Amino acid sequence: MSRCTAPVHGHRSASARANCPACGGRGSFRSSYSYPSYSSYSSSSYSSGSRSSTSGASKTRVRWASPGSTILYTPAEIRTLTPVRENVEKRADLPDLRDVFLCHAWDDRKDAAKDLHDLLESKGVSVWFSEKDVLLGSSLLREIDKGLAKSRVGIVLVTPSFLKRIKGEGIADKELSALLARDLLVPVIHDTTFEALRDVSPLLGSRSGLSTIEDSMGNIAAKLAELITPEPIFN
C-alpha cells in the first residue's frame, strides 16, 4: 500500500498532493461540476450576497438540458435549480398543470412581469399570469390559490415595486408564503439586489436565484423554460 508523503514533504500545494502516491488526485478540485442533491446544501451555505464571488466561476450545462442546448449555468444556479427540477420531475405526471405561476407586484404587471411572461410564452411555457387569468369581478386571492395549486413551478419576480409590496404585506406577500411552503420557488431579481431583498424578507433573501444583473431577461427565460421541460434528459 502506498504511503502518504505528508509527514515528509507536506501537502502545501495542489501539486504536492497530486504527487503523493497515496493522496494523488483525492480531494482535489475537479473542473467538471457534478450535480448534487439539494440535501447536500443548507439554505445558508450560499449567501446571495456572495454572488459576485461566483460570477467568474466556470459555467456548465445542467443534467436536464436537451441534447442541443447551449445554455450554461454557474454552480450557484445549479444549486438553486436542482431541487426545483427534482420537484418538477416528481410532478410530471400530474394532469392539467400550468408550467409556471408568475408572482409579481401589481405595479409590474404591464412592464417587467409582462416582459418575462411574453418571453416564457414565446418559448412554449404556459404561464399563470394575473393580467389574463383573473376575470373582472373575480376574487383575486381565490384565483391565486387556484394558480398555485395548478402550476409546476413558482417564479417570484423581485423588483423595487415587489419589495414595497412585501413591506406592506400585500397580496404578493401571501403568494410568496404559499410558494415558499411548496419548495417550488425560483426568485428572479430585476432592477434590485439580493441584499435589498434580504433587508425586507430574510427568508426569501437566504435563497439564491437568477438575476438580471448577471444575465439578460431573455437568458433567464431560457433557463426557466429548460427547467420545466416535462421529461428529464440525462446526458
Protein backbone atom coordinates (compact mmCIF):
# COMPACT_ATOMS: atom_id res chain seq x y z
CA MET A 1 0.00 0.00 0.00
CA SER A 2 1.34 3.45 -0.92
CA ARG A 3 2.25 5.69 1.98
CA CYS A 4 1.29 9.31 2.31
CA THR A 5 4.24 11.69 1.88
CA ALA A 6 2.69 14.42 4.00
CA PRO A 7 4.85 13.70 7.08
CA VAL A 8 7.99 14.26 4.94
CA HIS A 9 7.09 16.55 2.09
CA GLY A 10 3.83 18.09 3.27
CA HIS A 11 0.83 18.94 1.16
CA ARG A 12 1.40 22.65 0.96
CA SER A 13 0.29 22.89 -2.65
CA ALA A 14 -2.02 21.14 -5.11
CA SER A 15 0.99 19.76 -6.98
CA ALA A 16 2.44 18.28 -3.79
CA ARG A 17 -0.78 16.50 -3.06
CA ALA A 18 -1.04 15.31 -6.67
CA ASN A 19 2.46 13.82 -6.49
CA CYS A 20 1.69 11.94 -3.29
CA PRO A 21 1.29 8.20 -4.17
CA ALA A 22 -1.43 7.81 -1.52
CA CYS A 23 -3.37 11.04 -1.91
CA GLY A 24 -2.77 11.97 -5.53
CA GLY A 25 -5.96 13.29 -7.08
CA ARG A 26 -8.01 12.67 -3.93
CA GLY A 27 -9.98 15.69 -2.80
CA SER A 28 -8.52 17.89 -5.49
CA PHE A 29 -10.61 20.42 -7.33
CA ARG A 30 -12.43 18.99 -10.32
CA SER A 31 -13.17 21.28 -13.22
CA SER A 32 -16.31 19.42 -14.18
CA TYR A 33 -19.28 20.06 -11.93
CA SER A 34 -21.14 17.06 -10.52
CA TYR A 35 -24.79 17.69 -9.82
CA PRO A 36 -25.56 17.38 -6.11
CA SER A 37 -28.76 16.56 -4.38
CA TYR A 38 -30.31 19.54 -2.63
CA SER A 39 -29.82 17.89 0.74
CA SER A 40 -26.08 18.47 0.36
CA TYR A 41 -26.64 22.17 0.88
CA SER A 42 -28.33 24.21 3.52
CA SER A 43 -30.04 27.42 2.53
CA SER A 44 -27.30 29.32 4.36
CA SER A 45 -24.46 27.54 2.54
CA TYR A 46 -24.74 30.04 -0.28
CA SER A 47 -25.33 33.63 0.70
CA SER A 48 -26.97 35.63 -2.05
CA GLY A 49 -24.70 38.47 -1.14
CA SER A 50 -21.73 36.41 -2.34
CA ARG A 51 -22.98 36.11 -5.91
CA SER A 52 -20.20 38.38 -7.10
CA SER A 53 -17.67 35.79 -5.97
CA THR A 54 -19.21 33.23 -8.33
CA SER A 55 -19.52 35.50 -11.35
CA GLY A 56 -16.13 34.30 -12.56
CA ALA A 57 -16.89 30.64 -11.89
CA SER A 58 -16.83 28.26 -14.82
CA LYS A 59 -20.25 27.53 -16.27
CA THR A 60 -21.59 24.21 -17.44
CA ARG A 61 -24.74 22.54 -18.72
CA VAL A 62 -27.31 21.02 -16.40
CA ARG A 63 -28.22 17.33 -16.41
CA TRP A 64 -31.75 18.05 -17.62
CA ALA A 65 -30.57 20.03 -20.65
CA SER A 66 -31.75 18.94 -24.09
CA PRO A 67 -29.05 17.43 -26.34
CA GLY A 68 -28.65 20.58 -28.44
CA SER A 69 -28.83 23.08 -25.58
CA THR A 70 -26.14 25.77 -25.39
CA ILE A 71 -27.41 27.25 -22.11
CA LEU A 72 -24.72 27.39 -19.40
CA TYR A 73 -25.15 27.74 -15.63
CA THR A 74 -22.96 28.73 -12.71
CA PRO A 75 -22.58 26.23 -9.83
CA ALA A 76 -24.73 28.56 -7.68
CA GLU A 77 -27.52 28.50 -10.25
CA ILE A 78 -27.36 24.71 -10.38
CA ARG A 79 -27.67 24.55 -6.59
CA THR A 80 -30.72 26.79 -6.80
CA LEU A 81 -32.47 25.00 -9.63
CA THR A 82 -31.68 21.33 -8.86
CA PRO A 83 -34.27 20.91 -6.04
CA VAL A 84 -36.87 22.70 -8.15
CA ARG A 85 -36.10 20.40 -11.07
CA GLU A 86 -36.45 17.35 -8.83
CA ASN A 87 -39.93 18.53 -7.85
CA VAL A 88 -40.82 19.19 -11.48
CA GLU A 89 -39.89 15.60 -12.31
CA LYS A 90 -41.99 14.28 -9.43
CA ARG A 91 -44.99 16.29 -10.62
CA ALA A 92 -44.55 15.46 -14.31
CA ASP A 93 -47.48 13.03 -14.39
CA LEU A 94 -49.98 15.36 -12.72
CA PRO A 95 -52.59 16.41 -15.29
CA ASP A 96 -53.53 19.91 -16.43
CA LEU A 97 -50.75 21.78 -14.63
CA ARG A 98 -49.66 25.18 -15.87
CA ASP A 99 -45.86 25.26 -16.23
CA VAL A 100 -45.24 28.44 -14.24
CA PHE A 101 -47.04 30.62 -11.72
CA LEU A 102 -45.66 34.14 -12.01
CA CYS A 103 -45.78 36.02 -8.71
CA HIS A 104 -45.23 39.75 -9.15
CA ALA A 105 -46.16 43.15 -7.81
CA TRP A 106 -49.25 44.76 -9.30
CA ASP A 107 -47.21 47.76 -10.48
CA ASP A 108 -45.05 45.47 -12.65
CA ARG A 109 -47.95 43.86 -14.49
CA LYS A 110 -47.50 45.96 -17.65
CA ASP A 111 -43.70 46.17 -17.57
CA ALA A 112 -41.17 43.66 -16.21
CA ALA A 113 -43.75 41.00 -15.36
CA LYS A 114 -45.32 41.18 -18.82
CA ASP A 115 -41.89 41.09 -20.45
CA LEU A 116 -40.99 37.90 -18.58
CA HIS A 117 -44.41 36.41 -19.28
CA ASP A 118 -44.07 37.10 -23.01
CA LEU A 119 -40.54 35.69 -23.17
CA LEU A 120 -41.63 32.49 -21.41
CA GLU A 121 -44.65 32.00 -23.64
CA SER A 122 -42.52 32.57 -26.74
CA LYS A 123 -40.53 29.53 -25.60
CA GLY A 124 -43.62 27.37 -25.23
CA VAL A 125 -44.02 27.80 -21.46
CA SER A 126 -47.58 28.10 -20.14
CA VAL A 127 -47.76 30.87 -17.54
CA TRP A 128 -50.40 31.70 -14.92
CA PHE A 129 -50.48 35.49 -15.10
CA SER A 130 -52.98 37.66 -13.25
CA GLU A 131 -53.43 40.03 -16.18
CA LYS A 132 -55.06 37.29 -18.25
CA ASP A 133 -56.13 34.65 -15.71
CA VAL A 134 -58.16 36.74 -13.27
CA LEU A 135 -61.51 37.74 -14.69
CA LEU A 136 -63.05 41.08 -13.87
CA GLY A 137 -65.09 40.76 -10.68
CA SER A 138 -63.35 37.54 -9.54
CA SER A 139 -61.74 37.18 -6.13
CA LEU A 140 -58.03 37.71 -6.76
CA LEU A 141 -56.94 35.68 -3.71
CA ARG A 142 -59.17 32.77 -4.73
CA GLU A 143 -57.80 32.83 -8.28
CA ILE A 144 -54.24 32.99 -6.93
CA ASP A 145 -54.89 29.89 -4.84
CA LYS A 146 -56.07 28.09 -7.97
CA GLY A 147 -53.00 29.23 -9.89
CA LEU A 148 -50.63 27.98 -7.20
CA ALA A 149 -52.35 24.60 -6.98
CA LYS A 150 -52.22 24.09 -10.73
CA SER A 151 -48.65 25.10 -11.54
CA ARG A 152 -45.41 23.14 -11.61
CA VAL A 153 -43.10 25.98 -10.58
CA GLY A 154 -43.43 29.35 -8.89
CA ILE A 155 -41.42 32.34 -10.04
CA VAL A 156 -41.15 35.41 -7.85
CA LEU A 157 -40.19 38.49 -9.83
CA VAL A 158 -38.39 40.65 -7.26
CA THR A 159 -38.35 44.33 -8.24
CA PRO A 160 -38.37 47.60 -6.25
CA SER A 161 -42.18 47.55 -6.51
CA PHE A 162 -42.29 43.98 -5.21
CA LEU A 163 -40.14 44.93 -2.21
CA LYS A 164 -42.59 47.72 -1.38
CA ARG A 165 -45.48 45.26 -1.53
CA ILE A 166 -43.68 42.84 0.80
CA LYS A 167 -43.15 45.64 3.30
CA GLY A 168 -46.85 46.41 3.17
CA GLU A 169 -47.81 42.72 3.44
CA GLY A 170 -49.90 42.92 0.30
CA ILE A 171 -51.09 40.11 -1.93
CA ALA A 172 -47.55 39.49 -3.15
CA ASP A 173 -46.57 38.50 0.40
CA LYS A 174 -49.43 35.97 0.60
CA GLU A 175 -48.37 34.47 -2.73
CA LEU A 176 -44.78 34.32 -1.51
CA SER A 177 -45.69 32.43 1.66
CA ALA A 178 -47.51 29.76 -0.35
CA LEU A 179 -44.63 29.40 -2.79
CA LEU A 180 -42.08 29.03 -0.01
CA ALA A 181 -44.17 26.32 1.66
CA ARG A 182 -44.25 24.31 -1.57
CA ASP A 183 -40.47 24.50 -2.15
CA LEU A 184 -41.09 25.21 -5.82
CA LEU A 185 -39.71 28.71 -5.86
CA VAL A 186 -37.26 30.49 -8.17
CA PRO A 187 -36.57 34.15 -7.31
CA VAL A 188 -35.79 36.36 -10.31
CA ILE A 189 -34.11 39.62 -9.24
CA HIS A 190 -34.67 42.61 -11.53
CA ASP A 191 -33.57 46.23 -11.01
CA THR A 192 -32.65 45.49 -7.40
CA THR A 193 -30.27 43.27 -5.43
CA PHE A 194 -30.30 40.23 -3.18
CA GLU A 195 -29.05 42.47 -0.38
CA ALA A 196 -32.13 44.68 -0.69
CA LEU A 197 -34.32 41.57 -0.71
CA ARG A 198 -32.70 40.25 2.48
CA ASP A 199 -33.41 43.54 4.23
CA VAL A 200 -37.13 43.10 3.52
CA SER A 201 -37.52 39.30 3.53
CA PRO A 202 -34.62 37.43 5.21
CA LEU A 203 -36.27 34.08 4.45
CA LEU A 204 -36.58 34.67 0.72
CA GLY A 205 -33.27 36.52 0.64
CA SER A 206 -31.49 33.49 2.08
CA ARG A 207 -32.24 31.65 -1.16
CA SER A 208 -30.21 32.19 -4.28
CA GLY A 209 -31.85 32.66 -7.64
CA LEU A 210 -31.48 34.25 -11.05
CA SER A 211 -30.62 37.90 -11.56
CA THR A 212 -30.74 40.32 -14.48
CA ILE A 213 -27.59 41.91 -13.06
CA GLU A 214 -25.70 38.84 -14.27
CA ASP A 215 -27.90 37.66 -17.14
CA SER A 216 -30.38 39.06 -19.63
CA MET A 217 -34.10 38.51 -19.10
CA GLY A 218 -34.08 36.50 -22.32
CA ASN A 219 -31.43 34.09 -21.00
CA ILE A 220 -33.26 33.80 -17.68
CA ALA A 221 -36.46 32.90 -19.54
CA ALA A 222 -34.50 30.26 -21.49
CA LYS A 223 -33.22 28.72 -18.24
CA LEU A 224 -36.71 28.65 -16.76
CA ALA A 225 -38.08 27.06 -19.93
CA GLU A 226 -35.40 24.38 -19.76
CA LEU A 227 -36.17 23.86 -16.08
CA ILE A 228 -39.79 22.88 -16.64
CA THR A 229 -39.27 20.54 -19.61
CA PRO A 230 -41.52 17.64 -18.53
CA GLU A 231 -39.28 14.69 -19.34
CA PRO A 232 -35.85 14.60 -17.63
CA ILE A 233 -32.99 14.13 -20.06
CA PHE A 234 -29.77 12.69 -18.69
CA ASN A 235 -26.55 13.46 -20.56
